[in-house]
PDB file of N, CA and C in Angstrom:
ATOM      1  N   MET A   1     120.476  41.236 179.792  1.00  0.00           N
ATOM      2  CA  MET A   1     119.562  40.667 178.944  1.00  0.00           C
ATOM      3  C   MET A   1     118.886  41.037 177.020  1.00  0.00           C
ATOM      4  N   ARG A   2     119.427  41.984 177.219  1.00  0.00           N
ATOM      5  CA  ARG A   2     119.575  42.899 175.694  1.00  0.00           C
ATOM      6  C   ARG A   2     120.514  42.328 175.290  1.00  0.00           C
ATOM      7  N   ARG A   3     121.386  42.359 175.753  1.00  0.00           N
ATOM      8  CA  ARG A   3     122.653  42.149 174.538  1.00  0.00           C
ATOM      9  C   ARG A   3     122.637  40.961 174.669  1.00  0.00           C
ATOM     10  N   ALA A   4     122.544  39.857 175.137  1.00  0.00           N
ATOM     11  CA  ALA A   4     121.486  39.217 174.410  1.00  0.00           C
ATOM     12  C   ALA A   4     120.656  38.242 173.104  1.00  0.00           C
ATOM     13  N   ALA A   5     120.283  39.951 173.127  1.00  0.00           N
ATOM     14  CA  ALA A   5     119.169  39.227 172.288  1.00  0.00           C
ATOM     15  C   ALA A   5     119.680  40.478 170.898  1.00  0.00           C
ATOM     16  N   ALA A   6     120.509  41.134 170.698  1.00  0.00           N
ATOM     17  CA  ALA A   6     121.050  42.233 169.939  1.00  0.00           C
ATOM     18  C   ALA A   6     121.579  41.420 169.747  1.00  0.00           C
ATOM     19  N   ARG A   7     122.626  40.231 170.053  1.00  0.00           N
ATOM     20  CA  ARG A   7     123.589  39.789 169.751  1.00  0.00           C
ATOM     21  C   ARG A   7     123.349  38.381 168.161  1.00  0.00           C
ATOM     22  N   THR A   8     121.624  38.270 168.696  1.00  0.00           N
ATOM     23  CA  THR A   8     121.370  37.092 167.973  1.00  0.00           C
ATOM     24  C   THR A   8     121.587  37.453 166.485  1.00  0.00           C
ATOM     25  N   SER A   9     120.268  38.646 167.435  1.00  0.00           N
ATOM     26  CA  SER A   9     119.917  39.833 165.862  1.00  0.00           C
ATOM     27  C   SER A   9     120.459  39.775 164.690  1.00  0.00           C
ATOM     28  N   SER A  10     121.624  39.676 165.573  1.00  0.00           N
ATOM     29  CA  SER A  10     123.227  40.392 164.627  1.00  0.00           C
ATOM     30  C   SER A  10     123.290  38.637 163.523  1.00  0.00           C
ATOM     31  N   VAL A  11     123.940  38.207 164.209  1.00  0.00           N
ATOM     32  CA  VAL A  11     123.902  36.311 163.977  1.00  0.00           C
ATOM     33  C   VAL A  11     123.031  35.669 162.701  1.00  0.00           C
ATOM     34  N   ILE A  12     121.410  37.006 162.843  1.00  0.00           N
ATOM     35  CA  ILE A  12     120.984  36.439 162.270  1.00  0.00           C
ATOM     36  C   ILE A  12     121.018  36.197 161.104  1.00  0.00           C
ATOM     37  N   GLY A  13     121.502  37.904 160.614  1.00  0.00           N
ATOM     38  CA  GLY A  13     121.126  38.074 158.888  1.00  0.00           C
ATOM     39  C   GLY A  13     121.769  39.659 159.242  1.00  0.00           C
ATOM     40  N   SER A  14     121.961  39.969 157.281  1.00  0.00           N
ATOM     41  CA  SER A  14     121.787  41.099 158.100  1.00  0.00           C
ATOM     42  C   SER A  14     120.673  41.787 157.776  1.00  0.00           C
ATOM     43  N   PRO A  15     119.547  42.377 156.792  1.00  0.00           N
ATOM     44  CA  PRO A  15     117.869  42.469 157.155  1.00  0.00           C
ATOM     45  C   PRO A  15     117.643  42.833 158.170  1.00  0.00           C
ATOM     46  N   ALA A  16     118.139  42.371 159.675  1.00  0.00           N
ATOM     47  CA  ALA A  16     117.359  42.175 161.083  1.00  0.00           C
ATOM     48  C   ALA A  16     118.488  43.273 161.184  1.00  0.00           C
ATOM     49  N   ARG A  17     119.400  43.521 161.395  1.00  0.00           N
ATOM     50  CA  ARG A  17     120.679  43.933 161.056  1.00  0.00           C
ATOM     51  C   ARG A  17     120.508  45.491 161.201  1.00  0.00           C
ATOM     52  N   SER A  18     120.009  46.215 159.798  1.00  0.00           N
ATOM     53  CA  SER A  18     120.438  46.641 159.226  1.00  0.00           C
ATOM     54  C   SER A  18     118.224  47.332 159.893  1.00  0.00           C
ATOM     55  N   CYS A  19     117.860  47.374 159.573  1.00  0.00           N
ATOM     56  CA  CYS A  19     116.728  47.282 160.456  1.00  0.00           C
ATOM     57  C   CYS A  19     116.522  48.280 161.484  1.00  0.00           C
ATOM     58  N   ALA A  20     117.805  47.554 162.568  1.00  0.00           N
ATOM     59  CA  ALA A  20     117.726  48.085 163.654  1.00  0.00           C
ATOM     60  C   ALA A  20     118.127  49.104 163.496  1.00  0.00           C
ATOM     61  N   ARG A  21     119.047  49.385 161.981  1.00  0.00           N
ATOM     62  CA  ARG A  21     119.656  50.571 162.686  1.00  0.00           C
ATOM     63  C   ARG A  21     119.487  51.517 161.920  1.00  0.00           C
ATOM     64  N   GLU A  22     118.341  51.176 161.256  1.00  0.00           N
ATOM     65  CA  GLU A  22     117.009  52.328 160.550  1.00  0.00           C
ATOM     66  C   GLU A  22     115.857  52.371 160.938  1.00  0.00           C
ATOM     67  N   CYS A  23     115.189  51.201 161.757  1.00  0.00           N
ATOM     68  CA  CYS A  23     114.164  50.941 162.783  1.00  0.00           C
ATOM     69  C   CYS A  23     114.373  51.580 164.040  1.00  0.00           C
ATOM     70  N   GLY A  24     115.782  50.982 164.718  1.00  0.00           N
ATOM     71  CA  GLY A  24     115.986  51.772 165.577  1.00  0.00           C
ATOM     72  C   GLY A  24     115.889  53.803 165.836  1.00  0.00           C
ATOM     73  N   ALA A  25     116.485  54.420 165.013  1.00  0.00           N
ATOM     74  CA  ALA A  25     116.418  55.789 165.112  1.00  0.00           C
ATOM     75  C   ALA A  25     115.331  55.655 164.489  1.00  0.00           C
ATOM     76  N   ALA A  26     114.544  56.152 164.189  1.00  0.00           N
ATOM     77  CA  ALA A  26     112.920  56.263 163.814  1.00  0.00           C
ATOM     78  C   ALA A  26     112.180  56.081 165.794  1.00  0.00           C
ATOM     79  N   THR A  27     112.707  55.036 166.452  1.00  0.00           N
ATOM     80  CA  THR A  27     112.030  54.375 167.096  1.00  0.00           C
ATOM     81  C   THR A  27     112.037  55.490 168.860  1.00  0.00           C
ATOM     82  N   LYS A  28     113.291  55.330 168.815  1.00  0.00           N
ATOM     83  CA  LYS A  28     113.980  56.482 169.007  1.00  0.00           C
ATOM     84  C   LYS A  28     114.088  58.193 169.461  1.00  0.00           C
ATOM     85  N   ALA A  29     113.665  58.305 167.790  1.00  0.00           N
ATOM     86  CA  ALA A  29     113.170  59.707 167.813  1.00  0.00           C
ATOM     87  C   ALA A  29     111.016  60.106 168.627  1.00  0.00           C
ATOM     88  N   GLY A  30     111.034  59.101 167.612  1.00  0.00           N
ATOM     89  CA  GLY A  30     109.432  59.261 167.983  1.00  0.00           C
ATOM     90  C   GLY A  30     109.080  59.080 169.313  1.00  0.00           C
ATOM     91  N   THR A  31     110.096  58.228 170.457  1.00  0.00           N
ATOM     92  CA  THR A  31     109.395  58.060 171.308  1.00  0.00           C
ATOM     93  C   THR A  31     109.665  59.455 171.941  1.00  0.00           C
ATOM     94  N   ALA A  32     111.647  59.611 172.371  1.00  0.00           N
ATOM     95  CA  ALA A  32     111.226  61.574 172.667  1.00  0.00           C
ATOM     96  C   ALA A  32     110.836  62.060 172.411  1.00  0.00           C
ATOM     97  N   SER A  33     109.878  62.543 171.112  1.00  0.00           N
ATOM     98  CA  SER A  33     108.460  63.386 170.788  1.00  0.00           C
ATOM     99  C   SER A  33     107.750  63.208 171.220  1.00  0.00           C
ATOM    100  N   ALA A  34     107.583  62.206 172.126  1.00  0.00           N
ATOM    101  CA  ALA A  34     105.713  60.949 172.751  1.00  0.00           C
ATOM    102  C   ALA A  34     106.370  61.846 174.370  1.00  0.00           C
ATOM    103  N   ARG A  35     107.307  61.317 174.375  1.00  0.00           N
ATOM    104  CA  ARG A  35     107.692  61.959 176.205  1.00  0.00           C
ATOM    105  C   ARG A  35     108.207  63.680 176.097  1.00  0.00           C
ATOM    106  N   ALA A  36     107.821  64.160 175.534  1.00  0.00           N
ATOM    107  CA  ALA A  36     108.129  65.326 175.309  1.00  0.00           C
ATOM    108  C   ALA A  36     107.479  66.837 175.794  1.00  0.00           C
ATOM    109  N   GLY A  37     106.458  66.272 176.025  1.00  0.00           N
ATOM    110  CA  GLY A  37     105.132  67.271 176.444  1.00  0.00           C
ATOM    111  C   GLY A  37     104.904  66.469 178.015  1.00  0.00           C
ATOM    112  N   ILE A  38     104.985  65.334 178.342  1.00  0.00           N
ATOM    113  CA  ILE A  38     104.910  64.596 179.460  1.00  0.00           C
ATOM    114  C   ILE A  38     105.492  65.364 180.633  1.00  0.00           C
ATOM    115  N   GLU A  39     105.092  65.951 181.294  1.00  0.00           N
ATOM    116  CA  GLU A  39     105.209  65.720 182.867  1.00  0.00           C
ATOM    117  C   GLU A  39     104.228  64.706 184.431  1.00  0.00           C
ATOM    118  N   ARG A  40     105.594  64.609 185.052  1.00  0.00           N
ATOM    119  CA  ARG A  40     105.484  63.611 186.281  1.00  0.00           C
ATOM    120  C   ARG A  40     105.497  64.699 187.244  1.00  0.00           C
ATOM    121  N   ASP A  41     105.482  64.086 188.670  1.00  0.00           N
ATOM    122  CA  ASP A  41     104.650  64.402 189.379  1.00  0.00           C
ATOM    123  C   ASP A  41     104.942  63.956 191.002  1.00  0.00           C
ATOM    124  N   SER A  42     105.308  63.321 191.832  1.00  0.00           N
ATOM    125  CA  SER A  42     104.684  62.237 193.031  1.00  0.00           C
ATOM    126  C   SER A  42     104.771  62.484 194.344  1.00  0.00           C
ATOM    127  N   VAL A  43     103.515  61.610 195.442  1.00  0.00           N
ATOM    128  CA  VAL A  43     103.364  62.051 196.187  1.00  0.00           C
ATOM    129  C   VAL A  43     103.383  61.484 197.116  1.00  0.00           C
ATOM    130  N   SER A  44     104.389  60.522 198.888  1.00  0.00           N
ATOM    131  CA  SER A  44     104.335  59.965 199.354  1.00  0.00           C
ATOM    132  C   SER A  44     103.873  59.670 199.866  1.00  0.00           C
ATOM    133  N   CYS A  45     104.147  58.110 200.319  1.00  0.00           N
ATOM    134  CA  CYS A  45     102.897  57.597 201.099  1.00  0.00           C
ATOM    135  C   CYS A  45     103.283  56.966 202.350  1.00  0.00           C
ATOM    136  N   SER A  46     102.174  57.837 203.012  1.00  0.00           N
ATOM    137  CA  SER A  46     102.031  57.442 204.690  1.00  0.00           C
ATOM    138  C   SER A  46     102.146  55.803 204.776  1.00  0.00           C
ATOM    139  N   LYS A  47     101.682  55.426 204.066  1.00  0.00           N
ATOM    140  CA  LYS A  47     101.505  53.430 204.278  1.00  0.00           C
ATOM    141  C   LYS A  47     101.356  53.413 203.333  1.00  0.00           C
ATOM    142  N   PRO A  48     102.262  52.199 202.462  1.00  0.00           N
ATOM    143  CA  PRO A  48     103.190  51.470 203.340  1.00  0.00           C
ATOM    144  C   PRO A  48     104.929  52.321 202.719  1.00  0.00           C
ATOM    145  N   ARG A  49     105.714  52.838 203.760  1.00  0.00           N
ATOM    146  CA  ARG A  49     106.880  54.078 203.863  1.00  0.00           C
ATOM    147  C   ARG A  49     107.348  53.438 202.784  1.00  0.00           C
ATOM    148  N   GLY A  50     107.935  54.306 202.013  1.00  0.00           N
ATOM    149  CA  GLY A  50     108.576  54.317 200.339  1.00  0.00           C
ATOM    150  C   GLY A  50     108.344  54.112 199.217  1.00  0.00           C
ATOM    151  N   LYS A  51     106.466  53.759 198.909  1.00  0.00           N
ATOM    152  CA  LYS A  51     105.901  53.882 198.173  1.00  0.00           C
ATOM    153  C   LYS A  51     104.745  54.818 198.040  1.00  0.00           C
ATOM    154  N   TRP A  52     104.560  55.467 196.741  1.00  0.00           N
ATOM    155  CA  TRP A  52     104.535  56.566 196.430  1.00  0.00           C
ATOM    156  C   TRP A  52     103.499  56.743 195.596  1.00  0.00           C
ATOM    157  N   ALA A  53     102.137  57.385 195.666  1.00  0.00           N
ATOM    158  CA  ALA A  53     101.099  58.249 193.988  1.00  0.00           C
ATOM    159  C   ALA A  53     102.058  59.290 193.201  1.00  0.00           C
ATOM    160  N   ASN A  54     101.805  58.511 191.919  1.00  0.00           N
ATOM    161  CA  ASN A  54     102.339  58.839 190.687  1.00  0.00           C
ATOM    162  C   ASN A  54     101.681  59.620 189.936  1.00  0.00           C
ATOM    163  N   TYR A  55     101.799  60.741 189.632  1.00  0.00           N
ATOM    164  CA  TYR A  55     101.159  62.252 189.246  1.00  0.00           C
ATOM    165  C   TYR A  55     101.606  62.029 187.427  1.00  0.00           C
ATOM    166  N   SER A  56     101.000  62.058 185.968  1.00  0.00           N
ATOM    167  CA  SER A  56     101.782  62.546 185.134  1.00  0.00           C
ATOM    168  C   SER A  56     100.427  64.046 184.219  1.00  0.00           C
ATOM    169  N   TRP A  57     100.734  64.326 182.757  1.00  0.00           N
ATOM    170  CA  TRP A  57      99.889  64.981 182.717  1.00  0.00           C
ATOM    171  C   TRP A  57     100.274  65.418 181.552  1.00  0.00           C
ATOM    172  N   GLY A  58      99.446  65.151 180.335  1.00  0.00           N
ATOM    173  CA  GLY A  58      99.416  66.389 179.317  1.00  0.00           C
ATOM    174  C   GLY A  58      98.273  66.829 178.897  1.00  0.00           C
ATOM    175  N   GLU A  59      98.618  68.078 178.034  1.00  0.00           N
ATOM    176  CA  GLU A  59      97.908  68.954 177.693  1.00  0.00           C
ATOM    177  C   GLU A  59      97.575  69.065 176.033  1.00  0.00           C
ATOM    178  N   GLY A  60      96.532  69.208 176.809  1.00  0.00           N
ATOM    179  CA  GLY A  60      95.094  69.210 175.663  1.00  0.00           C
ATOM    180  C   GLY A  60      95.332  71.135 174.812  1.00  0.00           C
ATOM    181  N   ASN A  61      93.749  71.270 173.374  1.00  0.00           N
ATOM    182  CA  ASN A  61      93.799  72.483 173.374  1.00  0.00           C
ATOM    183  C   ASN A  61      93.575  73.527 174.724  1.00  0.00           C
ATOM    184  N   THR A  62      92.504  72.320 175.084  1.00  0.00           N
ATOM    185  CA  THR A  62      91.355  73.067 175.729  1.00  0.00           C
ATOM    186  C   THR A  62      90.921  73.103 176.999  1.00  0.00           C
ATOM    187  N   THR A  63      91.372  71.225 177.401  1.00  0.00           N
ATOM    188  CA  THR A  63      91.386  70.689 178.613  1.00  0.00           C
ATOM    189  C   THR A  63      93.188  69.967 178.425  1.00  0.00           C
ATOM    190  N   ALA A  64      92.861  69.457 179.773  1.00  0.00           N
ATOM    191  CA  ALA A  64      94.360  68.526 180.521  1.00  0.00           C
ATOM    192  C   ALA A  64      93.761  67.320 181.405  1.00  0.00           C
ATOM    193  N   THR A  65      94.524  66.702 181.053  1.00  0.00           N
ATOM    194  CA  THR A  65      94.576  64.825 181.314  1.00  0.00           C
ATOM    195  C   THR A  65      95.806  65.021 182.921  1.00  0.00           C
ATOM    196  N   ILE A  66      95.126  64.157 183.905  1.00  0.00           N
ATOM    197  CA  ILE A  66      96.259  63.975 184.983  1.00  0.00           C
ATOM    198  C   ILE A  66      95.680  62.219 184.868  1.00  0.00           C
ATOM    199  N   TYR A  67      96.835  61.809 184.906  1.00  0.00           N
ATOM    200  CA  TYR A  67      96.857  60.058 184.698  1.00  0.00           C
ATOM    201  C   TYR A  67      97.263  60.359 186.492  1.00  0.00           C
ATOM    202  N   PHE A  68      97.129  59.188 186.543  1.00  0.00           N
ATOM    203  CA  PHE A  68      97.616  58.604 187.922  1.00  0.00           C
ATOM    204  C   PHE A  68      97.334  57.198 188.543  1.00  0.00           C
ATOM    205  N   ASN A  69      98.400  56.950 189.672  1.00  0.00           N
ATOM    206  CA  ASN A  69      98.343  55.326 189.981  1.00  0.00           C
ATOM    207  C   ASN A  69      99.192  55.212 191.348  1.00  0.00           C
ATOM    208  N   ASN A  70      97.915  55.455 192.490  1.00  0.00           N
ATOM    209  CA  ASN A  70      98.345  55.493 193.513  1.00  0.00           C
ATOM    210  C   ASN A  70      98.377  53.675 194.158  1.00  0.00           C
ATOM    211  N   HIS A  71      99.723  53.634 194.926  1.00  0.00           N
ATOM    212  CA  HIS A  71     100.317  52.359 195.190  1.00  0.00           C
ATOM    213  C   HIS A  71      99.467  52.616 197.047  1.00  0.00           C
ATOM    214  N   CYS A  72      99.546  53.707 197.412  1.00  0.00           N
ATOM    215  CA  CYS A  72      99.589  53.631 198.382  1.00  0.00           C
ATOM    216  C   CYS A  72      98.281  53.257 199.294  1.00  0.00           C
ATOM    217  N   SER A  73      98.769  52.532 200.405  1.00  0.00           N
ATOM    218  CA  SER A  73      97.280  51.961 200.998  1.00  0.00           C
ATOM    219  C   SER A  73      96.179  52.636 201.132  1.00  0.00           C
ATOM    220  N   HIS A  74      96.294  53.544 201.239  1.00  0.00           N
ATOM    221  CA  HIS A  74      94.884  54.384 201.723  1.00  0.00           C
ATOM    222  C   HIS A  74      94.542  55.538 200.878  1.00  0.00           C
ATOM    223  N   LYS A  75      93.399  56.868 199.919  1.00  0.00           N
ATOM    224  CA  LYS A  75      92.945  57.118 199.559  1.00  0.00           C
ATOM    225  C   LYS A  75      94.419  58.779 199.508  1.00  0.00           C
ATOM    226  N   VAL A  76      94.304  59.247 197.841  1.00  0.00           N
ATOM    227  CA  VAL A  76      95.507  60.100 198.636  1.00  0.00           C
ATOM    228  C   VAL A  76      94.858  61.233 197.896  1.00  0.00           C
ATOM    229  N   SER A  77      95.055  62.619 198.413  1.00  0.00           N
ATOM    230  CA  SER A  77      93.839  64.336 197.639  1.00  0.00           C
ATOM    231  C   SER A  77      95.422  64.475 197.585  1.00  0.00           C
ATOM    232  N   VAL A  78      95.365  65.548 196.507  1.00  0.00           N
ATOM    233  CA  VAL A  78      96.091  66.051 195.481  1.00  0.00           C
ATOM    234  C   VAL A  78      95.750  67.744 195.690  1.00  0.00           C
ATOM    235  N   LYS A  79      96.482  68.433 195.470  1.00  0.00           N
ATOM    236  CA  LYS A  79      96.085  69.486 195.233  1.00  0.00           C
ATOM    237  C   LYS A  79      97.159  70.264 193.821  1.00  0.00           C
ATOM    238  N   ILE A  80      96.125  70.109 192.327  1.00  0.00           N
ATOM    239  CA  ILE A  80      96.989  70.923 190.832  1.00  0.00           C
ATOM    240  C   ILE A  80      97.013  71.762 190.723  1.00  0.00           C
ATOM    241  N   MET A  81      98.197  72.396 190.653  1.00  0.00           N
ATOM    242  CA  MET A  81      97.876  73.751 190.417  1.00  0.00           C
ATOM    243  C   MET A  81      98.327  73.968 189.098  1.00  0.00           C
ATOM    244  N   PHE A  82      97.660  74.648 188.295  1.00  0.00           N
ATOM    245  CA  PHE A  82      97.237  75.070 186.784  1.00  0.00           C
ATOM    246  C   PHE A  82      97.922  76.479 187.188  1.00  0.00           C
ATOM    247  N   VAL A  83      99.224  76.860 186.023  1.00  0.00           N
ATOM    248  CA  VAL A  83      99.435  78.003 185.526  1.00  0.00           C
ATOM    249  C   VAL A  83      98.844  78.698 184.040  1.00  0.00           C
ATOM    250  N   ARG A  84      99.292  79.922 183.979  1.00  0.00           N
ATOM    251  CA  ARG A  84      98.999  80.733 183.093  1.00  0.00           C
ATOM    252  C   ARG A  84      99.563  80.061 181.745  1.00  0.00           C
ATOM    253  N   LYS A  85      98.849  79.495 180.577  1.00  0.00           N
ATOM    254  CA  LYS A  85      99.863  79.119 179.584  1.00  0.00           C
ATOM    255  C   LYS A  85     100.731  80.608 178.910  1.00  0.00           C
ATOM    256  N   GLY A  86     101.649  80.733 178.414  1.00  0.00           N
ATOM    257  CA  GLY A  86     102.383  81.952 178.702  1.00  0.00           C
ATOM    258  C   GLY A  86     102.535  82.203 178.866  1.00  0.00           C
ATOM    259  N   SER A  87     102.590  82.445 180.113  1.00  0.00           N
ATOM    260  CA  SER A  87     103.414  83.449 180.867  1.00  0.00           C
ATOM    261  C   SER A  87     104.176  83.710 182.192  1.00  0.00           C
ATOM    262  N   VAL A  88     105.612  84.016 181.612  1.00  0.00           N
ATOM    263  CA  VAL A  88     106.793  84.366 182.541  1.00  0.00           C
ATOM    264  C   VAL A  88     107.129  84.713 183.368  1.00  0.00           C
ATOM    265  N   GLY A  89     107.035  85.826 183.657  1.00  0.00           N
ATOM    266  CA  GLY A  89     106.923  86.304 185.264  1.00  0.00           C
ATOM    267  C   GLY A  89     106.273  86.251 185.461  1.00  0.00           C
ATOM    268  N   ASP A  90     104.558  86.343 185.128  1.00  0.00           N
ATOM    269  CA  ASP A  90     103.178  86.498 185.676  1.00  0.00           C
ATOM    270  C   ASP A  90     102.277  85.094 185.977  1.00  0.00           C
ATOM    271  N   LYS A  91     102.690  84.595 187.056  1.00  0.00           N
ATOM    272  CA  LYS A  91     102.207  83.427 188.147  1.00  0.00           C
ATOM    273  C   LYS A  91     101.386  83.633 187.816  1.00  0.00           C
ATOM    274  N   ALA A  92     100.818  83.614 187.618  1.00  0.00           N
ATOM    275  CA  ALA A  92      98.569  83.413 187.552  1.00  0.00           C
ATOM    276  C   ALA A  92      98.118  82.304 187.773  1.00  0.00           C
ATOM    277  N   SER A  93      97.563  81.860 189.161  1.00  0.00           N
ATOM    278  CA  SER A  93      96.854  80.644 189.197  1.00  0.00           C
ATOM    279  C   SER A  93      96.358  80.027 189.281  1.00  0.00           C
ATOM    280  N   LYS A  94      95.625  79.172 188.977  1.00  0.00           N
ATOM    281  CA  LYS A  94      93.985  78.473 189.543  1.00  0.00           C
ATOM    282  C   LYS A  94      94.645  77.141 189.892  1.00  0.00           C
ATOM    283  N   TYR A  95      93.387  76.499 191.431  1.00  0.00           N
ATOM    284  CA  TYR A  95      93.848  75.363 191.546  1.00  0.00           C
ATOM    285  C   TYR A  95      92.801  74.509 191.987  1.00  0.00           C
ATOM    286  N   ARG A  96      92.851  73.397 191.122  1.00  0.00           N
ATOM    287  CA  ARG A  96      91.730  71.708 191.709  1.00  0.00           C
ATOM    288  C   ARG A  96      92.628  71.127 192.761  1.00  0.00           C
ATOM    289  N   CYS A  97      91.460  70.812 193.017  1.00  0.00           N
ATOM    290  CA  CYS A  97      91.738  69.337 194.167  1.00  0.00           C
ATOM    291  C   CYS A  97      91.245  68.291 193.893  1.00  0.00           C
ATOM    292  N   MET A  98      91.458  66.797 193.675  1.00  0.00           N
ATOM    293  CA  MET A  98      91.629  65.403 193.443  1.00  0.00           C
ATOM    294  C   MET A  98      91.790  64.583 194.432  1.00  0.00           C
ATOM    295  N   THR A  99      90.873  63.845 194.627  1.00  0.00           N
ATOM    296  CA  THR A  99      90.778  61.918 195.217  1.00  0.00           C
ATOM    297  C   THR A  99      90.913  61.114 194.648  1.00  0.00           C
ATOM    298  N   VAL A 100      92.208  60.217 194.896  1.00  0.00           N
ATOM    299  CA  VAL A 100      92.205  59.511 194.516  1.00  0.00           C
ATOM    300  C   VAL A 100      92.672  57.648 195.646  1.00  0.00           C
ATOM    301  N   ASN A 101      91.395  57.048 195.012  1.00  0.00           N
ATOM    302  CA  ASN A 101      91.267  55.903 195.920  1.00  0.00           C
ATOM    303  C   ASN A 101      92.615  54.624 196.007  1.00  0.00           C
ATOM    304  N   ALA A 102      92.933  53.437 197.721  1.00  0.00           N
ATOM    305  CA  ALA A 102      93.629  52.858 197.113  1.00  0.00           C
ATOM    306  C   ALA A 102      94.052  52.113 195.876  1.00  0.00           C
ATOM    307  N   HIS A 103      95.621  52.087 195.812  1.00  0.00           N
ATOM    308  CA  HIS A 103      95.851  51.204 194.781  1.00  0.00           C
ATOM    309  C   HIS A 103      95.129  51.194 193.537  1.00  0.00           C
ATOM    310  N   THR A 104      94.852  52.175 193.595  1.00  0.00           N
ATOM    311  CA  THR A 104      94.185  52.183 191.497  1.00  0.00           C
ATOM    312  C   THR A 104      95.295  53.289 190.898  1.00  0.00           C
ATOM    313  N   LYS A 105      94.751  53.172 189.710  1.00  0.00           N
ATOM    314  CA  LYS A 105      95.642  53.832 188.413  1.00  0.00           C
ATOM    315  C   LYS A 105      94.068  54.316 187.350  1.00  0.00           C
ATOM    316  N   GLY A 106      93.917  55.649 187.209  1.00  0.00           N
ATOM    317  CA  GLY A 106      93.090  55.634 185.795  1.00  0.00           C
ATOM    318  C   GLY A 106      93.642  57.704 185.594  1.00  0.00           C
ATOM    319  N   LYS A 107      93.271  58.259 184.912  1.00  0.00           N
ATOM    320  CA  LYS A 107      92.492  59.557 184.350  1.00  0.00           C
ATOM    321  C   LYS A 107      91.963  59.875 184.909  1.00  0.00           C
ATOM    322  N   LYS A 108      92.070  60.937 184.743  1.00  0.00           N
ATOM    323  CA  LYS A 108      90.747  62.795 185.134  1.00  0.00           C
ATOM    324  C   LYS A 108      91.239  63.605 184.586  1.00  0.00           C
ATOM    325  N   LYS A 109      89.976  64.277 183.956  1.00  0.00           N
ATOM    326  CA  LYS A 109      90.518  65.630 183.063  1.00  0.00           C
ATOM    327  C   LYS A 109      89.633  66.798 183.364  1.00  0.00           C
ATOM    328  N   PHE A 110      90.312  68.006 182.766  1.00  0.00           N
ATOM    329  CA  PHE A 110      90.317  69.029 183.266  1.00  0.00           C
ATOM    330  C   PHE A 110      90.111  69.712 182.218  1.00  0.00           C
ATOM    331  N   TYR A 111      88.886  70.607 182.177  1.00  0.00           N
ATOM    332  CA  TYR A 111      88.914  71.561 181.652  1.00  0.00           C
ATOM    333  C   TYR A 111      89.708  72.717 181.749  1.00  0.00           C
ATOM    334  N   ALA A 112      90.254  73.375 181.456  1.00  0.00           N
ATOM    335  CA  ALA A 112      91.784  74.192 181.561  1.00  0.00           C
ATOM    336  C   ALA A 112      91.969  74.935 180.201  1.00  0.00           C
ATOM    337  N   ALA A 113      91.113  76.086 179.398  1.00  0.00           N
ATOM    338  CA  ALA A 113      91.688  77.010 177.802  1.00  0.00           C
ATOM    339  C   ALA A 113      92.613  77.369 178.398  1.00  0.00           C
ATOM    340  N   ALA A 114      92.782  77.993 179.613  1.00  0.00           N
ATOM    341  CA  ALA A 114      94.331  79.629 179.379  1.00  0.00           C
ATOM    342  C   ALA A 114      94.676  78.664 180.947  1.00  0.00           C
ATOM    343  N   TYR A 115      95.150  77.798 180.454  1.00  0.00           N
ATOM    344  CA  TYR A 115      96.008  76.768 181.741  1.00  0.00           C
ATOM    345  C   TYR A 115      96.555  75.155 181.271  1.00  0.00           C
ATOM    346  N   LYS A 116      97.450  75.214 182.328  1.00  0.00           N
ATOM    347  CA  LYS A 116      98.425  74.262 181.669  1.00  0.00           C
ATOM    348  C   LYS A 116      98.882  73.552 183.640  1.00  0.00           C
ATOM    349  N   PRO A 117      98.523  72.391 183.246  1.00  0.00           N
ATOM    350  CA  PRO A 117      98.810  71.821 184.929  1.00  0.00           C
ATOM    351  C   PRO A 117     100.781  72.700 185.197  1.00  0.00           C
ATOM    352  N   TYR A 118     100.570  72.821 186.101  1.00  0.00           N
ATOM    353  CA  TYR A 118     102.210  72.883 186.509  1.00  0.00           C
ATOM    354  C   TYR A 118     102.924  71.996 187.990  1.00  0.00           C
ATOM    355  N   SER A 119     102.041  71.630 188.519  1.00  0.00           N
ATOM    356  CA  SER A 119     102.787  70.860 190.223  1.00  0.00           C
ATOM    357  C   SER A 119     101.672  69.844 190.316  1.00  0.00           C
ATOM    358  N   VAL A 120     102.023  69.125 191.349  1.00  0.00           N
ATOM    359  CA  VAL A 120     101.021  68.270 192.480  1.00  0.00           C
ATOM    360  C   VAL A 120     101.373  68.249 193.794  1.00  0.00           C
ATOM    361  N   SER A 121     100.701  68.873 195.101  1.00  0.00           N
ATOM    362  CA  SER A 121     101.056  68.624 195.757  1.00  0.00           C
ATOM    363  C   SER A 121     100.151  67.832 196.795  1.00  0.00           C
ATOM    364  N   ARG A 122     100.700  67.227 198.036  1.00  0.00           N
ATOM    365  CA  ARG A 122      99.721  66.746 199.077  1.00  0.00           C
ATOM    366  C   ARG A 122      98.674  67.739 199.795  1.00  0.00           C
ATOM    367  N   VAL A 123      97.431  67.596 200.361  1.00  0.00           N
ATOM    368  CA  VAL A 123      97.053  67.750 201.650  1.00  0.00           C
ATOM    369  C   VAL A 123      95.595  66.648 201.829  1.00  0.00           C
ATOM    370  N   ALA A 124      94.550  67.481 203.159  1.00  0.00           N
ATOM    371  CA  ALA A 124      95.007  66.760 203.777  1.00  0.00           C
ATOM    372  C   ALA A 124      93.390  66.406 203.621  1.00  0.00           C
ATOM    373  N   ARG A 125      92.957  66.313 202.931  1.00  0.00           N
ATOM    374  CA  ARG A 125      91.408  66.416 201.435  1.00  0.00           C
ATOM    375  C   ARG A 125      91.487  67.700 200.852  1.00  0.00           C
ATOM    376  N   CYS A 126      89.775  67.358 200.040  1.00  0.00           N
ATOM    377  CA  CYS A 126      89.498  67.667 199.509  1.00  0.00           C
ATOM    378  C   CYS A 126      88.062  68.870 199.750  1.00  0.00           C
ATOM    379  N   SER A 127      88.519  69.390 199.509  1.00  0.00           N
ATOM    380  CA  SER A 127      86.281  70.585 200.583  1.00  0.00           C
ATOM    381  C   SER A 127      86.052  71.320 199.777  1.00  0.00           C
TER     382      SER A 127
END
C-alpha cells in the first residue's frame, strides 16, 4: 500500500519528490527523538488468552506518567518499580501499585522526584 502511494506522489511532480526527501528526513528524526524517552512493558491477560495489558511511561522533572491500555476482560493490578535516577550499581527502589479496569485506556501521574519507572509486574491485587 505504501509503495503505491510513493509511486503516485513521485509521478505527480518534483516538488512532492523534493519535499519527501527533505520533510521525510525531518519527520523520521523527530519521531526517533520522541520515542527515545518512552519505555514500554506488558502483562498477559488471564482472559482472553493471547491479549495483553500494555503500559508505557515517560518521565518529567518531578513526575512520571504511566499510560495504560488494558485489552483484558478483567481488572489488572500491577506493581510499578521505580529506581533512583542516576544510580548505576545501587538499585534503590520504591514500588507503587495500580489497578486498571477491563477494556480501558488512560494515564496516571505519579510523583517521583528522584525516581524513574523501571518495570511493571502483575500482582493479585493492590493492598
